[in-house]
Amino acid sequence: MEPDNSQGEYYLTDVVSVLVAAGHRVDAHLAAAEETAGVNDRANLPRPKPSCATGRTRP
């Protein structure tokens, strides 16, 4: 897998095609946007999500 963007970054979404190409099963799960929001820079770090801060996950 190689980064295919000007920043030279790897994206988690690229892993899906790699796994499928290798014959692995890939499933999708629905989650609220606030539970899947990313941290892209230092400005995003102070806003932890409640589930991350407590270590709790939804059933």
N, C-alpha and C. Protein backbone atom coordinates (compact mmCIF):
# COMPACT_ATOMS: atom_id res chain seq x y z
N MET A 1 0.85 -1.16 0.00
CA MET A 1 0.00 0.00 0.00
C MET A 1 0.90 1.23 0.00
N GLU A 2 0.59 2.16 -0.84
CA GLU A 2 1.36 3.40 -0.93
C GLU A 2 0.44 4.60 -0.79
N PRO A 3 0.91 5.68 -0.18
CA PRO A 3 0.08 6.88 -0.09
C PRO A 3 -0.09 7.47 -1.49
N ASP A 4 -1.34 7.79 -1.82
CA ASP A 4 -1.64 8.30 -3.16
C ASP A 4 -2.26 9.69 -3.05
N ASN A 5 -1.53 10.60 -2.40
CA ASN A 5 -2.00 11.98 -2.26
C ASN A 5 -0.79 12.88 -2.06
N SER A 6 -1.00 14.17 -2.21
CA SER A 6 0.11 15.12 -2.15
C SER A 6 0.74 15.22 -0.76
N GLN A 7 -0.01 14.85 0.29
CA GLN A 7 0.53 14.91 1.65
C GLN A 7 1.33 13.67 2.02
N GLY A 8 1.24 12.62 1.19
CA GLY A 8 1.94 11.38 1.50
C GLY A 8 1.31 10.65 2.67
N GLU A 9 0.02 10.86 2.90
CA GLU A 9 -0.67 10.26 4.03
C GLU A 9 -1.35 8.95 3.65
N TYR A 10 -1.46 8.08 4.62
CA TYR A 10 -2.24 6.86 4.46
C TYR A 10 -3.64 7.13 5.00
N TYR A 11 -4.65 6.58 4.36
CA TYR A 11 -6.02 6.76 4.82
C TYR A 11 -6.61 5.43 5.24
N LEU A 12 -7.32 5.44 6.36
CA LEU A 12 -7.95 4.23 6.85
C LEU A 12 -8.89 3.63 5.81
N THR A 13 -9.56 4.47 5.04
CA THR A 13 -10.49 3.97 4.03
C THR A 13 -9.78 3.15 2.95
N ASP A 14 -8.50 3.38 2.73
CA ASP A 14 -7.74 2.60 1.74
C ASP A 14 -7.58 1.15 2.16
N VAL A 15 -7.66 0.89 3.44
CA VAL A 15 -7.48 -0.46 3.96
C VAL A 15 -8.58 -1.39 3.45
N VAL A 16 -9.78 -0.87 3.22
CA VAL A 16 -10.88 -1.69 2.76
C VAL A 16 -10.53 -2.41 1.47
N SER A 17 -10.06 -1.68 0.48
CA SER A 17 -9.74 -2.32 -0.80
C SER A 17 -8.57 -3.29 -0.67
N VAL A 18 -7.63 -2.99 0.19
CA VAL A 18 -6.49 -3.90 0.41
C VAL A 18 -6.98 -5.22 1.01
N LEU A 19 -7.85 -5.13 1.99
CA LEU A 19 -8.37 -6.34 2.63
C LEU A 19 -9.23 -7.16 1.67
N VAL A 20 -10.09 -6.50 0.92
CA VAL A 20 -10.94 -7.20 -0.05
C VAL A 20 -10.08 -7.88 -1.11
N ALA A 21 -9.07 -7.20 -1.60
CA ALA A 21 -8.18 -7.78 -2.61
C ALA A 21 -7.44 -8.99 -2.08
N ALA A 22 -7.20 -9.02 -0.77
CA ALA A 22 -6.51 -10.15 -0.14
C ALA A 22 -7.47 -11.26 0.25
N GLY A 23 -8.76 -11.09 -0.07
CA GLY A 23 -9.74 -12.14 0.20
C GLY A 23 -10.38 -12.10 1.57
N HIS A 24 -10.18 -11.02 2.30
CA HIS A 24 -10.77 -10.91 3.63
C HIS A 24 -12.20 -10.38 3.55
N ARG A 25 -12.99 -10.73 4.53
CA ARG A 25 -14.35 -10.21 4.64
C ARG A 25 -14.30 -8.81 5.26
N VAL A 26 -15.08 -7.91 4.72
CA VAL A 26 -15.15 -6.55 5.24
C VAL A 26 -16.61 -6.23 5.54
N ASP A 27 -16.90 -5.79 6.74
CA ASP A 27 -18.26 -5.44 7.15
C ASP A 27 -18.35 -3.94 7.40
N ALA A 28 -19.56 -3.42 7.32
CA ALA A 28 -19.82 -2.01 7.61
C ALA A 28 -20.67 -1.91 8.86
N HIS A 29 -20.45 -0.87 9.63
CA HIS A 29 -21.22 -0.63 10.84
C HIS A 29 -21.64 0.83 10.85
N LEU A 30 -22.89 1.08 11.21
CA LEU A 30 -23.38 2.45 11.32
C LEU A 30 -23.01 3.03 12.68
N ALA A 31 -22.61 4.28 12.67
CA ALA A 31 -22.28 4.97 13.92
C ALA A 31 -22.60 6.45 13.75
N ALA A 32 -22.87 7.10 14.85
CA ALA A 32 -23.15 8.53 14.83
C ALA A 32 -21.90 9.29 14.42
N ALA A 33 -22.09 10.38 13.72
CA ALA A 33 -20.96 11.18 13.21
C ALA A 33 -20.02 11.61 14.33
N GLU A 34 -20.56 11.98 15.49
CA GLU A 34 -19.69 12.44 16.58
C GLU A 34 -18.81 11.32 17.14
N GLU A 35 -19.18 10.07 16.88
CA GLU A 35 -18.38 8.94 17.35
C GLU A 35 -17.27 8.57 16.37
N THR A 36 -17.35 9.08 15.16
CA THR A 36 -16.36 8.71 14.14
C THR A 36 -15.55 9.90 13.65
N ALA A 37 -15.76 11.06 14.23
CA ALA A 37 -15.03 12.25 13.80
C ALA A 37 -13.54 12.06 14.04
N GLY A 38 -12.75 12.50 13.10
CA GLY A 38 -11.31 12.33 13.21
C GLY A 38 -10.62 13.51 13.86
N VAL A 39 -9.37 13.31 14.17
CA VAL A 39 -8.50 14.38 14.67
C VAL A 39 -7.47 14.61 13.58
N ASN A 40 -7.56 15.77 12.96
CA ASN A 40 -6.68 16.07 11.83
C ASN A 40 -5.54 17.02 12.18
N ASP A 41 -5.63 17.68 13.31
CA ASP A 41 -4.56 18.59 13.71
C ASP A 41 -4.65 18.83 15.22
N ARG A 42 -3.70 19.58 15.74
CA ARG A 42 -3.66 19.82 17.19
C ARG A 42 -4.90 20.56 17.69
N ALA A 43 -5.52 21.35 16.84
CA ALA A 43 -6.72 22.08 17.25
C ALA A 43 -7.87 21.13 17.56
N ASN A 44 -7.88 19.96 16.96
CA ASN A 44 -8.94 18.98 17.20
C ASN A 44 -8.73 18.16 18.48
N LEU A 45 -7.55 18.15 19.03
CA LEU A 45 -7.24 17.30 20.18
C LEU A 45 -8.03 17.61 21.45
N PRO A 46 -8.31 18.87 21.77
CA PRO A 46 -9.01 19.15 23.04
C PRO A 46 -10.47 18.72 23.09
N ARG A 47 -11.03 18.26 22.01
CA ARG A 47 -12.44 17.90 22.01
C ARG A 47 -12.65 16.38 22.00
N PRO A 48 -12.28 15.70 23.09
CA PRO A 48 -12.47 14.24 23.13
C PRO A 48 -13.94 13.88 23.12
N LYS A 49 -14.24 12.79 22.53
CA LYS A 49 -15.61 12.29 22.51
C LYS A 49 -15.88 11.56 23.81
N PRO A 50 -17.09 11.64 24.32
CA PRO A 50 -17.39 10.96 25.60
C PRO A 50 -17.02 9.48 25.60
N SER A 51 -17.29 8.77 24.52
CA SER A 51 -16.99 7.34 24.50
C SER A 51 -15.48 7.09 24.53
N CYS A 52 -14.70 8.00 23.96
CA CYS A 52 -13.23 7.85 23.98
C CYS A 52 -12.69 8.18 25.36
N ALA A 53 -13.23 9.21 25.96
CA ALA A 53 -12.72 9.65 27.26
C ALA A 53 -13.01 8.64 28.36
N THR A 54 -14.12 7.94 28.28
CA THR A 54 -14.48 7.00 29.33
C THR A 54 -14.09 5.57 29.01
N GLY A 55 -13.78 5.31 27.74
CA GLY A 55 -13.46 3.95 27.33
C GLY A 55 -14.69 3.10 27.11
N ARG A 56 -15.87 3.70 27.26
CA ARG A 56 -17.12 2.96 27.06
C ARG A 56 -17.45 2.89 25.58
N THR A 57 -18.07 1.81 25.19
CA THR A 57 -18.55 1.65 23.82
C THR A 57 -20.04 1.37 23.84
N ARG A 58 -20.66 1.64 22.72
CA ARG A 58 -22.09 1.37 22.63
C ARG A 58 -22.29 -0.12 22.38
N PRO A 59 -23.44 -0.67 22.82
CA PRO A 59 -23.71 -2.09 22.58
C PRO A 59 -23.92 -2.37 21.11
